[in-house]
Amino acid sequence: MRGSTIAKLGLALMASTPALAGQAAPDPGKQAFAPCAACHAITPGTKRVGPSLHGVVGRKVASAPGFAYSPALKAKGTAAWTPANLDAFLTDPRAWAPGNKMMYQGIKDPAKRAAIIKYLATLK
């Protein structure tokens, strides 16, 4: 009887594990992006405190329509949001574009930044 209870408990635990229950594991980039969603939408044309990040990878810096960018980001000229530029910006927004309006300290964990950039690249 006791072995049966342990077996049932084991099966219940296995069924509740997403990977074992046939459910996809949560996207680490989407999870890492969650704090960003407080200020940035991921749908086209939706503005919050910051511009929508839909299609941001490869887009010219400070080019989302209808958003009032800081002179610091406008000064980036024809620069694009490449993975390298996104990584530098996410590391330290104030160092990458001194005087920008983003009130965020940056993400020190390179794996977390990479996951966010990979996630952003899917938003097309």
PDB file of N, CA and C in Angstrom:
ATOM      1  N   MET A   1       0.819  -1.189   0.000  1.00  0.00           N
ATOM      2  CA  MET A   1       0.000   0.000   0.000  1.00  0.00           C
ATOM      3  C   MET A   1       0.868   1.261   0.000  1.00  0.00           C
ATOM      4  N   ARG A   2       1.903   1.250   0.845  1.00  0.00           N
ATOM      5  CA  ARG A   2       2.775   2.416   0.938  1.00  0.00           C
ATOM      6  C   ARG A   2       3.496   2.660  -0.390  1.00  0.00           C
ATOM      7  N   GLY A   3       3.964   1.611  -1.038  1.00  0.00           N
ATOM      8  CA  GLY A   3       4.633   1.742  -2.331  1.00  0.00           C
ATOM      9  C   GLY A   3       3.699   2.317  -3.373  1.00  0.00           C
ATOM     10  N   SER A   4       2.438   1.956  -3.304  1.00  0.00           N
ATOM     11  CA  SER A   4       1.440   2.468  -4.235  1.00  0.00           C
ATOM     12  C   SER A   4       1.255   3.973  -4.060  1.00  0.00           C
ATOM     13  N   THR A   5       1.267   4.447  -2.834  1.00  0.00           N
ATOM     14  CA  THR A   5       1.119   5.878  -2.555  1.00  0.00           C
ATOM     15  C   THR A   5       2.313   6.655  -3.093  1.00  0.00           C
ATOM     16  N   ILE A   6       3.498   6.112  -2.904  1.00  0.00           N
ATOM     17  CA  ILE A   6       4.712   6.761  -3.410  1.00  0.00           C
ATOM     18  C   ILE A   6       4.687   6.799  -4.934  1.00  0.00           C
ATOM     19  N   ALA A   7       4.262   5.709  -5.554  1.00  0.00           N
ATOM     20  CA  ALA A   7       4.184   5.664  -7.013  1.00  0.00           C
ATOM     21  C   ALA A   7       3.186   6.696  -7.533  1.00  0.00           C
ATOM     22  N   LYS A   8       2.042   6.818  -6.865  1.00  0.00           N
ATOM     23  CA  LYS A   8       1.035   7.797  -7.285  1.00  0.00           C
ATOM     24  C   LYS A   8       1.571   9.224  -7.137  1.00  0.00           C
ATOM     25  N   LEU A   9       2.292   9.476  -6.055  1.00  0.00           N
ATOM     26  CA  LEU A   9       2.882  10.792  -5.840  1.00  0.00           C
ATOM     27  C   LEU A   9       3.901  11.100  -6.937  1.00  0.00           C
ATOM     28  N   GLY A  10       4.712  10.117  -7.285  1.00  0.00           N
ATOM     29  CA  GLY A  10       5.697  10.296  -8.352  1.00  0.00           C
ATOM     30  C   GLY A  10       5.036  10.599  -9.682  1.00  0.00           C
ATOM     31  N   LEU A  11       3.964   9.890 -10.001  1.00  0.00           N
ATOM     32  CA  LEU A  11       3.238  10.143 -11.249  1.00  0.00           C
ATOM     33  C   LEU A  11       2.611  11.537 -11.249  1.00  0.00           C
ATOM     34  N   ALA A  12       2.079  11.948 -10.112  1.00  0.00           N
ATOM     35  CA  ALA A  12       1.484  13.280 -10.019  1.00  0.00           C
ATOM     36  C   ALA A  12       2.539  14.361 -10.239  1.00  0.00           C
ATOM     37  N   LEU A  13       3.712  14.179  -9.674  1.00  0.00           N
ATOM     38  CA  LEU A  13       4.792  15.151  -9.865  1.00  0.00           C
ATOM     39  C   LEU A  13       5.246  15.194 -11.315  1.00  0.00           C
ATOM     40  N   MET A  14       5.353  14.035 -11.937  1.00  0.00           N
ATOM     41  CA  MET A  14       5.768  13.987 -13.341  1.00  0.00           C
ATOM     42  C   MET A  14       4.734  14.669 -14.227  1.00  0.00           C
ATOM     43  N   ALA A  15       3.472  14.467 -13.948  1.00  0.00           N
ATOM     44  CA  ALA A  15       2.416  15.058 -14.766  1.00  0.00           C
ATOM     45  C   ALA A  15       2.370  16.571 -14.619  1.00  0.00           C
ATOM     46  N   SER A  16       2.810  17.081 -13.484  1.00  0.00           N
ATOM     47  CA  SER A  16       2.772  18.529 -13.275  1.00  0.00           C
ATOM     48  C   SER A  16       4.000  19.235 -13.833  1.00  0.00           C
ATOM     49  N   THR A  17       5.008  18.503 -14.268  1.00  0.00           N
ATOM     50  CA  THR A  17       6.206  19.083 -14.857  1.00  0.00           C
ATOM     51  C   THR A  17       5.927  19.367 -16.326  1.00  0.00           C
ATOM     52  N   PRO A  18       6.018  20.638 -16.775  1.00  0.00           N
ATOM     53  CA  PRO A  18       5.652  20.983 -18.146  1.00  0.00           C
ATOM     54  C   PRO A  18       6.324  20.126 -19.210  1.00  0.00           C
ATOM     55  N   ALA A  19       7.627  19.912 -19.110  1.00  0.00           N
ATOM     56  CA  ALA A  19       8.326  19.158 -20.154  1.00  0.00           C
ATOM     57  C   ALA A  19       7.837  17.720 -20.210  1.00  0.00           C
ATOM     58  N   LEU A  20       7.532  17.160 -19.071  1.00  0.00           N
ATOM     59  CA  LEU A  20       7.075  15.780 -19.036  1.00  0.00           C
ATOM     60  C   LEU A  20       5.597  15.661 -19.350  1.00  0.00           C
ATOM     61  N   ALA A  21       4.846  16.710 -19.196  1.00  0.00           N
ATOM     62  CA  ALA A  21       3.412  16.675 -19.446  1.00  0.00           C
ATOM     63  C   ALA A  21       3.093  17.076 -20.879  1.00  0.00           C
ATOM     64  N   GLY A  22       4.100  17.243 -21.727  1.00  0.00           N
ATOM     65  CA  GLY A  22       3.881  17.591 -23.119  1.00  0.00           C
ATOM     66  C   GLY A  22       3.711  19.085 -23.348  1.00  0.00           C
ATOM     67  N   GLN A  23       3.947  19.894 -22.346  1.00  0.00           N
ATOM     68  CA  GLN A  23       3.849  21.337 -22.493  1.00  0.00           C
ATOM     69  C   GLN A  23       5.243  21.902 -22.741  1.00  0.00           C
ATOM     70  N   ALA A  24       5.277  22.953 -23.524  1.00  0.00           N
ATOM     71  CA  ALA A  24       6.566  23.595 -23.781  1.00  0.00           C
ATOM     72  C   ALA A  24       7.045  24.314 -22.523  1.00  0.00           C
ATOM     73  N   ALA A  25       8.331  24.263 -22.306  1.00  0.00           N
ATOM     74  CA  ALA A  25       8.918  25.002 -21.182  1.00  0.00           C
ATOM     75  C   ALA A  25       8.810  26.493 -21.480  1.00  0.00           C
ATOM     76  N   PRO A  26       8.667  27.325 -20.461  1.00  0.00           N
ATOM     77  CA  PRO A  26       8.579  28.770 -20.698  1.00  0.00           C
ATOM     78  C   PRO A  26       9.825  29.287 -21.421  1.00  0.00           C
ATOM     79  N   ASP A  27       9.629  30.243 -22.314  1.00  0.00           N
ATOM     80  CA  ASP A  27      10.731  30.859 -23.054  1.00  0.00           C
ATOM     81  C   ASP A  27      11.551  31.702 -22.076  1.00  0.00           C
ATOM     82  N   PRO A  28      12.847  31.383 -21.900  1.00  0.00           N
ATOM     83  CA  PRO A  28      13.657  32.158 -20.949  1.00  0.00           C
ATOM     84  C   PRO A  28      13.773  33.630 -21.344  1.00  0.00           C
ATOM     85  N   GLY A  29      13.751  33.912 -22.641  1.00  0.00           N
ATOM     86  CA  GLY A  29      13.816  35.303 -23.086  1.00  0.00           C
ATOM     87  C   GLY A  29      12.557  36.068 -22.742  1.00  0.00           C
ATOM     88  N   LYS A  30      11.424  35.412 -22.916  1.00  0.00           N
ATOM     89  CA  LYS A  30      10.151  36.046 -22.574  1.00  0.00           C
ATOM     90  C   LYS A  30      10.080  36.297 -21.072  1.00  0.00           C
ATOM     91  N   GLN A  31      10.573  35.340 -20.299  1.00  0.00           N
ATOM     92  CA  GLN A  31      10.604  35.516 -18.846  1.00  0.00           C
ATOM     93  C   GLN A  31      11.533  36.668 -18.457  1.00  0.00           C
ATOM     94  N   ALA A  32      12.702  36.727 -19.072  1.00  0.00           N
ATOM     95  CA  ALA A  32      13.662  37.792 -18.755  1.00  0.00           C
ATOM     96  C   ALA A  32      13.138  39.156 -19.200  1.00  0.00           C
ATOM     97  N   PHE A  33      12.301  39.160 -20.246  1.00  0.00           N
ATOM     98  CA  PHE A  33      11.724  40.396 -20.773  1.00  0.00           C
ATOM     99  C   PHE A  33      10.609  40.955 -19.883  1.00  0.00           C
ATOM    100  N   ALA A  34      10.055  40.145 -19.011  1.00  0.00           N
ATOM    101  CA  ALA A  34       8.888  40.548 -18.208  1.00  0.00           C
ATOM    102  C   ALA A  34       9.032  41.928 -17.556  1.00  0.00           C
ATOM    103  N   PRO A  35      10.168  42.263 -16.924  1.00  0.00           N
ATOM    104  CA  PRO A  35      10.280  43.613 -16.345  1.00  0.00           C
ATOM    105  C   PRO A  35      10.237  44.718 -17.412  1.00  0.00           C
ATOM    106  N   CYS A  36      10.709  44.420 -18.611  1.00  0.00           N
ATOM    107  CA  CYS A  36      10.716  45.396 -19.701  1.00  0.00           C
ATOM    108  C   CYS A  36       9.287  45.732 -20.142  1.00  0.00           C
ATOM    109  N   ALA A  37       8.392  44.736 -20.011  1.00  0.00           N
ATOM    110  CA  ALA A  37       7.006  44.898 -20.452  1.00  0.00           C
ATOM    111  C   ALA A  37       6.259  45.954 -19.649  1.00  0.00           C
ATOM    112  N   ALA A  38       6.796  46.354 -18.518  1.00  0.00           N
ATOM    113  CA  ALA A  38       6.163  47.433 -17.751  1.00  0.00           C
ATOM    114  C   ALA A  38       6.187  48.740 -18.542  1.00  0.00           C
ATOM    115  N   CYS A  39       7.196  48.922 -19.370  1.00  0.00           N
ATOM    116  CA  CYS A  39       7.339  50.161 -20.140  1.00  0.00           C
ATOM    117  C   CYS A  39       7.251  49.969 -21.649  1.00  0.00           C
ATOM    118  N   HIS A  40       7.468  48.748 -22.137  1.00  0.00           N
ATOM    119  CA  HIS A  40       7.509  48.498 -23.577  1.00  0.00           C
ATOM    120  C   HIS A  40       6.491  47.445 -23.990  1.00  0.00           C
ATOM    121  N   ALA A  41       5.682  47.774 -24.994  1.00  0.00           N
ATOM    122  CA  ALA A  41       4.756  46.809 -25.581  1.00  0.00           C
ATOM    123  C   ALA A  41       5.505  45.972 -26.609  1.00  0.00           C
ATOM    124  N   ILE A  42       4.923  44.845 -26.981  1.00  0.00           N
ATOM    125  CA  ILE A  42       5.526  44.002 -28.022  1.00  0.00           C
ATOM    126  C   ILE A  42       4.619  43.901 -29.246  1.00  0.00           C
ATOM    127  N   THR A  43       3.540  44.665 -29.251  1.00  0.00           N
ATOM    128  CA  THR A  43       2.654  44.689 -30.407  1.00  0.00           C
ATOM    129  C   THR A  43       2.962  45.939 -31.225  1.00  0.00           C
ATOM    130  N   PRO A  44       2.836  45.854 -32.549  1.00  0.00           N
ATOM    131  CA  PRO A  44       3.181  46.997 -33.395  1.00  0.00           C
ATOM    132  C   PRO A  44       2.317  48.224 -33.080  1.00  0.00           C
ATOM    133  N   GLY A  45       2.963  49.378 -33.025  1.00  0.00           N
ATOM    134  CA  GLY A  45       2.253  50.636 -32.865  1.00  0.00           C
ATOM    135  C   GLY A  45       1.747  50.945 -31.470  1.00  0.00           C
ATOM    136  N   THR A  46       1.959  50.056 -30.525  1.00  0.00           N
ATOM    137  CA  THR A  46       1.496  50.290 -29.160  1.00  0.00           C
ATOM    138  C   THR A  46       2.592  50.994 -28.376  1.00  0.00           C
ATOM    139  N   LYS A  47       2.242  52.144 -27.811  1.00  0.00           N
ATOM    140  CA  LYS A  47       3.221  52.889 -27.016  1.00  0.00           C
ATOM    141  C   LYS A  47       2.856  52.782 -25.545  1.00  0.00           C
ATOM    142  N   ARG A  48       3.851  52.727 -24.728  1.00  0.00           N
ATOM    143  CA  ARG A  48       3.704  52.846 -23.281  1.00  0.00           C
ATOM    144  C   ARG A  48       4.652  53.973 -22.885  1.00  0.00           C
ATOM    145  N   VAL A  49       5.325  53.851 -21.785  1.00  0.00           N
ATOM    146  CA  VAL A  49       6.333  54.849 -21.418  1.00  0.00           C
ATOM    147  C   VAL A  49       7.432  54.841 -22.475  1.00  0.00           C
ATOM    148  N   GLY A  50       7.751  53.650 -22.977  1.00  0.00           N
ATOM    149  CA  GLY A  50       8.732  53.481 -24.040  1.00  0.00           C
ATOM    150  C   GLY A  50       8.040  53.023 -25.312  1.00  0.00           C
ATOM    151  N   PRO A  51       8.764  52.996 -26.421  1.00  0.00           N
ATOM    152  CA  PRO A  51       8.169  52.573 -27.691  1.00  0.00           C
ATOM    153  C   PRO A  51       7.930  51.063 -27.732  1.00  0.00           C
ATOM    154  N   SER A  52       7.105  50.640 -28.679  1.00  0.00           N
ATOM    155  CA  SER A  52       6.906  49.212 -28.911  1.00  0.00           C
ATOM    156  C   SER A  52       8.223  48.602 -29.374  1.00  0.00           C
ATOM    157  N   LEU A  53       8.505  47.407 -28.901  1.00  0.00           N
ATOM    158  CA  LEU A  53       9.733  46.721 -29.315  1.00  0.00           C
ATOM    159  C   LEU A  53       9.455  45.664 -30.374  1.00  0.00           C
ATOM    160  N   HIS A  54       8.258  45.682 -30.933  1.00  0.00           N
ATOM    161  CA  HIS A  54       7.941  44.776 -32.035  1.00  0.00           C
ATOM    162  C   HIS A  54       8.816  45.157 -33.229  1.00  0.00           C
ATOM    163  N   GLY A  55       9.569  44.213 -33.746  1.00  0.00           N
ATOM    164  CA  GLY A  55      10.434  44.468 -34.893  1.00  0.00           C
ATOM    165  C   GLY A  55      11.664  45.302 -34.589  1.00  0.00           C
ATOM    166  N   VAL A  56      12.045  45.401 -33.325  1.00  0.00           N
ATOM    167  CA  VAL A  56      13.169  46.275 -32.960  1.00  0.00           C
ATOM    168  C   VAL A  56      14.507  45.763 -33.496  1.00  0.00           C
ATOM    169  N   VAL A  57      14.710  44.455 -33.543  1.00  0.00           N
ATOM    170  CA  VAL A  57      16.001  43.928 -34.003  1.00  0.00           C
ATOM    171  C   VAL A  57      16.151  44.236 -35.493  1.00  0.00           C
ATOM    172  N   GLY A  58      17.186  45.003 -35.809  1.00  0.00           N
ATOM    173  CA  GLY A  58      17.450  45.418 -37.182  1.00  0.00           C
ATOM    174  C   GLY A  58      16.885  46.788 -37.523  1.00  0.00           C
ATOM    175  N   ARG A  59      16.000  47.307 -36.689  1.00  0.00           N
ATOM    176  CA  ARG A  59      15.384  48.606 -36.942  1.00  0.00           C
ATOM    177  C   ARG A  59      16.379  49.722 -36.612  1.00  0.00           C
ATOM    178  N   LYS A  60      16.258  50.834 -37.320  1.00  0.00           N
ATOM    179  CA  LYS A  60      17.088  52.006 -37.043  1.00  0.00           C
ATOM    180  C   LYS A  60      16.774  52.505 -35.629  1.00  0.00           C
ATOM    181  N   VAL A  61      17.799  52.902 -34.901  1.00  0.00           N
ATOM    182  CA  VAL A  61      17.636  53.449 -33.552  1.00  0.00           C
ATOM    183  C   VAL A  61      16.758  54.701 -33.624  1.00  0.00           C
ATOM    184  N   ALA A  62      15.885  54.868 -32.650  1.00  0.00           N
ATOM    185  CA  ALA A  62      15.014  56.046 -32.516  1.00  0.00           C
ATOM    186  C   ALA A  62      14.097  56.229 -33.721  1.00  0.00           C
ATOM    187  N   SER A  63      13.550  55.128 -34.233  1.00  0.00           N
ATOM    188  CA  SER A  63      12.747  55.244 -35.451  1.00  0.00           C
ATOM    189  C   SER A  63      11.312  54.727 -35.338  1.00  0.00           C
ATOM    190  N   ALA A  64      10.872  54.285 -34.167  1.00  0.00           N
ATOM    191  CA  ALA A  64       9.481  53.833 -34.050  1.00  0.00           C
ATOM    192  C   ALA A  64       8.568  55.037 -34.244  1.00  0.00           C
ATOM    193  N   PRO A  65       7.604  54.927 -35.148  1.00  0.00           N
ATOM    194  CA  PRO A  65       6.740  56.071 -35.451  1.00  0.00           C
ATOM    195  C   PRO A  65       5.963  56.563 -34.224  1.00  0.00           C
ATOM    196  N   GLY A  66       5.878  57.883 -34.109  1.00  0.00           N
ATOM    197  CA  GLY A  66       5.056  58.489 -33.081  1.00  0.00           C
ATOM    198  C   GLY A  66       5.635  58.504 -31.680  1.00  0.00           C
ATOM    199  N   PHE A  67       6.896  58.129 -31.525  1.00  0.00           N
ATOM    200  CA  PHE A  67       7.492  58.151 -30.192  1.00  0.00           C
ATOM    201  C   PHE A  67       8.480  59.307 -30.100  1.00  0.00           C
ATOM    202  N   ALA A  68       8.438  60.033 -28.998  1.00  0.00           N
ATOM    203  CA  ALA A  68       9.331  61.182 -28.784  1.00  0.00           C
ATOM    204  C   ALA A  68      10.641  60.701 -28.159  1.00  0.00           C
ATOM    205  N   TYR A  69      11.618  60.454 -28.995  1.00  0.00           N
ATOM    206  CA  TYR A  69      12.920  59.971 -28.528  1.00  0.00           C
ATOM    207  C   TYR A  69      13.773  61.103 -27.974  1.00  0.00           C
ATOM    208  N   SER A  70      14.685  60.737 -27.094  1.00  0.00           N
ATOM    209  CA  SER A  70      15.626  61.706 -26.531  1.00  0.00           C
ATOM    210  C   SER A  70      16.637  62.117 -27.602  1.00  0.00           C
ATOM    211  N   PRO A  71      17.209  63.311 -27.458  1.00  0.00           N
ATOM    212  CA  PRO A  71      18.277  63.716 -28.373  1.00  0.00           C
ATOM    213  C   PRO A  71      19.436  62.712 -28.365  1.00  0.00           C
ATOM    214  N   ALA A  72      19.683  62.072 -27.218  1.00  0.00           N
ATOM    215  CA  ALA A  72      20.782  61.098 -27.122  1.00  0.00           C
ATOM    216  C   ALA A  72      20.570  59.929 -28.078  1.00  0.00           C
ATOM    217  N   LEU A  73      19.348  59.425 -28.165  1.00  0.00           N
ATOM    218  CA  LEU A  73      19.099  58.317 -29.093  1.00  0.00           C
ATOM    219  C   LEU A  73      19.017  58.815 -30.531  1.00  0.00           C
ATOM    220  N   LYS A  74      18.442  59.991 -30.738  1.00  0.00           N
ATOM    221  CA  LYS A  74      18.388  60.557 -32.092  1.00  0.00           C
ATOM    222  C   LYS A  74      19.797  60.783 -32.636  1.00  0.00           C
ATOM    223  N   ALA A  75      20.742  61.084 -31.749  1.00  0.00           N
ATOM    224  CA  ALA A  75      22.128  61.342 -32.161  1.00  0.00           C
ATOM    225  C   ALA A  75      22.830  60.089 -32.668  1.00  0.00           C
ATOM    226  N   LYS A  76      22.231  58.934 -32.467  1.00  0.00           N
ATOM    227  CA  LYS A  76      22.839  57.685 -32.962  1.00  0.00           C
ATOM    228  C   LYS A  76      22.760  57.596 -34.479  1.00  0.00           C
ATOM    229  N   GLY A  77      22.066  58.555 -35.103  1.00  0.00           N
ATOM    230  CA  GLY A  77      22.038  58.646 -36.560  1.00  0.00           C
ATOM    231  C   GLY A  77      21.443  57.434 -37.232  1.00  0.00           C
ATOM    232  N   THR A  78      22.237  56.796 -38.061  1.00  0.00           N
ATOM    233  CA  THR A  78      21.740  55.660 -38.837  1.00  0.00           C
ATOM    234  C   THR A  78      22.029  54.319 -38.174  1.00  0.00           C
ATOM    235  N   ALA A  79      22.485  54.339 -36.949  1.00  0.00           N
ATOM    236  CA  ALA A  79      22.767  53.075 -36.250  1.00  0.00           C
ATOM    237  C   ALA A  79      21.494  52.235 -36.177  1.00  0.00           C
ATOM    238  N   ALA A  80      21.677  50.933 -36.222  1.00  0.00           N
ATOM    239  CA  ALA A  80      20.543  50.006 -36.129  1.00  0.00           C
ATOM    240  C   ALA A  80      20.623  49.234 -34.821  1.00  0.00           C
ATOM    241  N   TRP A  81      19.479  48.721 -34.416  1.00  0.00           N
ATOM    242  CA  TRP A  81      19.437  47.864 -33.223  1.00  0.00           C
ATOM    243  C   TRP A  81      19.891  46.462 -33.610  1.00  0.00           C
ATOM    244  N   THR A  82      21.179  46.328 -33.785  1.00  0.00           N
ATOM    245  CA  THR A  82      21.775  45.015 -34.038  1.00  0.00           C
ATOM    246  C   THR A  82      21.850  44.271 -32.707  1.00  0.00           C
ATOM    247  N   PRO A  83      22.048  42.959 -32.732  1.00  0.00           N
ATOM    248  CA  PRO A  83      22.236  42.257 -31.462  1.00  0.00           C
ATOM    249  C   PRO A  83      23.369  42.854 -30.623  1.00  0.00           C
ATOM    250  N   ALA A  84      24.456  43.287 -31.268  1.00  0.00           N
ATOM    251  CA  ALA A  84      25.577  43.877 -30.523  1.00  0.00           C
ATOM    252  C   ALA A  84      25.179  45.204 -29.883  1.00  0.00           C
ATOM    253  N   ASN A  85      24.462  46.057 -30.626  1.00  0.00           N
ATOM    254  CA  ASN A  85      24.024  47.336 -30.061  1.00  0.00           C
ATOM    255  C   ASN A  85      22.991  47.131 -28.959  1.00  0.00           C
ATOM    256  N   LEU A  86      22.084  46.181 -29.160  1.00  0.00           N
ATOM    257  CA  LEU A  86      21.108  45.881 -28.105  1.00  0.00           C
ATOM    258  C   LEU A  86      21.812  45.381 -26.850  1.00  0.00           C
ATOM    259  N   ASP A  87      22.816  44.538 -27.038  1.00  0.00           N
ATOM    260  CA  ASP A  87      23.553  44.014 -25.889  1.00  0.00           C
ATOM    261  C   ASP A  87      24.236  45.153 -25.126  1.00  0.00           C
ATOM    262  N   ALA A  88      24.875  46.054 -25.855  1.00  0.00           N
ATOM    263  CA  ALA A  88      25.548  47.184 -25.204  1.00  0.00           C
ATOM    264  C   ALA A  88      24.534  48.084 -24.497  1.00  0.00           C
ATOM    265  N   PHE A  89      23.416  48.347 -25.141  1.00  0.00           N
ATOM    266  CA  PHE A  89      22.387  49.199 -24.547  1.00  0.00           C
ATOM    267  C   PHE A  89      21.785  48.545 -23.311  1.00  0.00           C
ATOM    268  N   LEU A  90      21.466  47.256 -23.406  1.00  0.00           N
ATOM    269  CA  LEU A  90      20.876  46.559 -22.260  1.00  0.00           C
ATOM    270  C   LEU A  90      21.863  46.422 -21.103  1.00  0.00           C
ATOM    271  N   THR A  91      23.147  46.391 -21.411  1.00  0.00           N
ATOM    272  CA  THR A  91      24.164  46.322 -20.358  1.00  0.00           C
ATOM    273  C   THR A  91      24.166  47.602 -19.535  1.00  0.00           C
ATOM    274  N   ASP A  92      24.165  48.740 -20.222  1.00  0.00           N
ATOM    275  CA  ASP A  92      24.207  50.034 -19.535  1.00  0.00           C
ATOM    276  C   ASP A  92      23.653  51.109 -20.470  1.00  0.00           C
ATOM    277  N   PRO A  93      22.339  51.338 -20.421  1.00  0.00           N
ATOM    278  CA  PRO A  93      21.722  52.302 -21.339  1.00  0.00           C
ATOM    279  C   PRO A  93      22.344  53.695 -21.279  1.00  0.00           C
ATOM    280  N   ARG A  94      22.747  54.119 -20.100  1.00  0.00           N
ATOM    281  CA  ARG A  94      23.308  55.475 -19.956  1.00  0.00           C
ATOM    282  C   ARG A  94      24.709  55.586 -20.549  1.00  0.00           C
ATOM    283  N   ALA A  95      25.449  54.502 -20.536  1.00  0.00           N
ATOM    284  CA  ALA A  95      26.785  54.523 -21.142  1.00  0.00           C
ATOM    285  C   ALA A  95      26.682  54.467 -22.663  1.00  0.00           C
ATOM    286  N   TRP A  96      25.721  53.692 -23.186  1.00  0.00           N
ATOM    287  CA  TRP A  96      25.590  53.536 -24.637  1.00  0.00           C
ATOM    288  C   TRP A  96      25.056  54.808 -25.280  1.00  0.00           C
ATOM    289  N   ALA A  97      24.123  55.463 -24.592  1.00  0.00           N
ATOM    290  CA  ALA A  97      23.548  56.703 -25.117  1.00  0.00           C
ATOM    291  C   ALA A  97      23.386  57.688 -23.957  1.00  0.00           C
ATOM    292  N   PRO A  98      24.492  58.350 -23.567  1.00  0.00           N
ATOM    293  CA  PRO A  98      24.423  59.286 -22.442  1.00  0.00           C
ATOM    294  C   PRO A  98      23.343  60.351 -22.669  1.00  0.00           C
ATOM    295  N   GLY A  99      22.474  60.496 -21.673  1.00  0.00           N
ATOM    296  CA  GLY A  99      21.394  61.473 -21.770  1.00  0.00           C
ATOM    297  C   GLY A  99      20.080  60.889 -22.257  1.00  0.00           C
ATOM    298  N   ASN A 100      20.032  59.576 -22.512  1.00  0.00           N
ATOM    299  CA  ASN A 100      18.759  58.992 -22.949  1.00  0.00           C
ATOM    300  C   ASN A 100      17.762  59.013 -21.795  1.00  0.00           C
ATOM    301  N   LYS A 101      16.482  58.868 -22.116  1.00  0.00           N
ATOM    302  CA  LYS A 101      15.422  59.002 -21.115  1.00  0.00           C
ATOM    303  C   LYS A 101      15.094  57.705 -20.376  1.00  0.00           C
ATOM    304  N   MET A 102      15.683  56.613 -20.767  1.00  0.00           N
ATOM    305  CA  MET A 102      15.327  55.337 -20.150  1.00  0.00           C
ATOM    306  C   MET A 102      15.844  55.284 -18.715  1.00  0.00           C
ATOM    307  N   MET A 103      14.935  55.136 -17.784  1.00  0.00           N
ATOM    308  CA  MET A 103      15.279  55.096 -16.364  1.00  0.00           C
ATOM    309  C   MET A 103      15.502  53.645 -15.939  1.00  0.00           C
ATOM    310  N   TYR A 104      16.547  53.061 -16.426  1.00  0.00           N
ATOM    311  CA  TYR A 104      16.831  51.656 -16.163  1.00  0.00           C
ATOM    312  C   TYR A 104      18.333  51.498 -16.025  1.00  0.00           C
ATOM    313  N   GLN A 105      18.760  50.746 -15.036  1.00  0.00           N
ATOM    314  CA  GLN A 105      20.188  50.602 -14.748  1.00  0.00           C
ATOM    315  C   GLN A 105      20.913  49.655 -15.692  1.00  0.00           C
ATOM    316  N   GLY A 106      20.196  48.760 -16.323  1.00  0.00           N
ATOM    317  CA  GLY A 106      20.823  47.791 -17.209  1.00  0.00           C
ATOM    318  C   GLY A 106      20.781  46.393 -16.627  1.00  0.00           C
ATOM    319  N   ILE A 107      21.205  45.447 -17.435  1.00  0.00           N
ATOM    320  CA  ILE A 107      21.202  44.030 -17.060  1.00  0.00           C
ATOM    321  C   ILE A 107      22.643  43.548 -17.085  1.00  0.00           C
ATOM    322  N   LYS A 108      23.147  43.158 -15.955  1.00  0.00           N
ATOM    323  CA  LYS A 108      24.551  42.748 -15.863  1.00  0.00           C
ATOM    324  C   LYS A 108      24.787  41.315 -16.340  1.00  0.00           C
ATOM    325  N   ASP A 109      23.773  40.461 -16.280  1.00  0.00           N
ATOM    326  CA  ASP A 109      23.911  39.047 -16.641  1.00  0.00           C
ATOM    327  C   ASP A 109      23.893  38.871 -18.162  1.00  0.00           C
ATOM    328  N   PRO A 110      25.026  38.475 -18.777  1.00  0.00           N
ATOM    329  CA  PRO A 110      25.078  38.334 -20.234  1.00  0.00           C
ATOM    330  C   PRO A 110      24.108  37.283 -20.771  1.00  0.00           C
ATOM    331  N   ALA A 111      23.860  36.228 -20.019  1.00  0.00           N
ATOM    332  CA  ALA A 111      22.921  35.187 -20.474  1.00  0.00           C
ATOM    333  C   ALA A 111      21.502  35.738 -20.531  1.00  0.00           C
ATOM    334  N   LYS A 112      21.154  36.550 -19.572  1.00  0.00           N
ATOM    335  CA  LYS A 112      19.814  37.156 -19.547  1.00  0.00           C
ATOM    336  C   LYS A 112      19.660  38.134 -20.713  1.00  0.00           C
ATOM    337  N   ARG A 113      20.700  38.927 -20.971  1.00  0.00           N
ATOM    338  CA  ARG A 113      20.646  39.858 -22.110  1.00  0.00           C
ATOM    339  C   ARG A 113      20.508  39.092 -23.418  1.00  0.00           C
ATOM    340  N   ALA A 114      21.278  38.035 -23.569  1.00  0.00           N
ATOM    341  CA  ALA A 114      21.218  37.233 -24.795  1.00  0.00           C
ATOM    342  C   ALA A 114      19.831  36.633 -24.980  1.00  0.00           C
ATOM    343  N   ALA A 115      19.222  36.170 -23.896  1.00  0.00           N
ATOM    344  CA  ALA A 115      17.881  35.586 -23.975  1.00  0.00           C
ATOM    345  C   ALA A 115      16.856  36.641 -24.393  1.00  0.00           C
ATOM    346  N   ILE A 116      16.980  37.840 -23.855  1.00  0.00           N
ATOM    347  CA  ILE A 116      16.059  38.920 -24.225  1.00  0.00           C
ATOM    348  C   ILE A 116      16.220  39.275 -25.696  1.00  0.00           C
ATOM    349  N   ILE A 117      17.454  39.396 -26.161  1.00  0.00           N
ATOM    350  CA  ILE A 117      17.704  39.748 -27.562  1.00  0.00           C
ATOM    351  C   ILE A 117      17.167  38.661 -28.488  1.00  0.00           C
ATOM    352  N   LYS A 118      17.367  37.420 -28.129  1.00  0.00           N
ATOM    353  CA  LYS A 118      16.832  36.306 -28.927  1.00  0.00           C
ATOM    354  C   LYS A 118      15.305  36.382 -28.974  1.00  0.00           C
ATOM    355  N   TYR A 119      14.680  36.682 -27.841  1.00  0.00           N
ATOM    356  CA  TYR A 119      13.223  36.830 -27.789  1.00  0.00           C
ATOM    357  C   TYR A 119      12.772  38.001 -28.660  1.00  0.00           C
ATOM    358  N   LEU A 120      13.444  39.151 -28.537  1.00  0.00           N
ATOM    359  CA  LEU A 120      13.071  40.319 -29.336  1.00  0.00           C
ATOM    360  C   LEU A 120      13.158  40.024 -30.832  1.00  0.00           C
ATOM    361  N   ALA A 121      14.119  39.196 -31.227  1.00  0.00           N
ATOM    362  CA  ALA A 121      14.280  38.850 -32.644  1.00  0.00           C
ATOM    363  C   ALA A 121      13.089  38.064 -33.184  1.00  0.00           C
ATOM    364  N   THR A 122      12.313  37.455 -32.302  1.00  0.00           N
ATOM    365  CA  THR A 122      11.133  36.697 -32.754  1.00  0.00           C
ATOM    366  C   THR A 122       9.927  37.599 -32.976  1.00  0.00           C
ATOM    367  N   LEU A 123       9.994  38.829 -32.530  1.00  0.00           N
ATOM    368  CA  LEU A 123       8.844  39.742 -32.604  1.00  0.00           C
ATOM    369  C   LEU A 123       8.827  40.459 -33.943  1.00  0.00           C
ATOM    370  N   LYS A 124       8.353  39.765 -34.956  1.00  0.00           N
ATOM    371  CA  LYS A 124       8.317  40.329 -36.318  1.00  0.00           C
ATOM    372  C   LYS A 124       6.920  40.263 -36.875  1.00  0.00           C
TER     373      LYS A 124
END
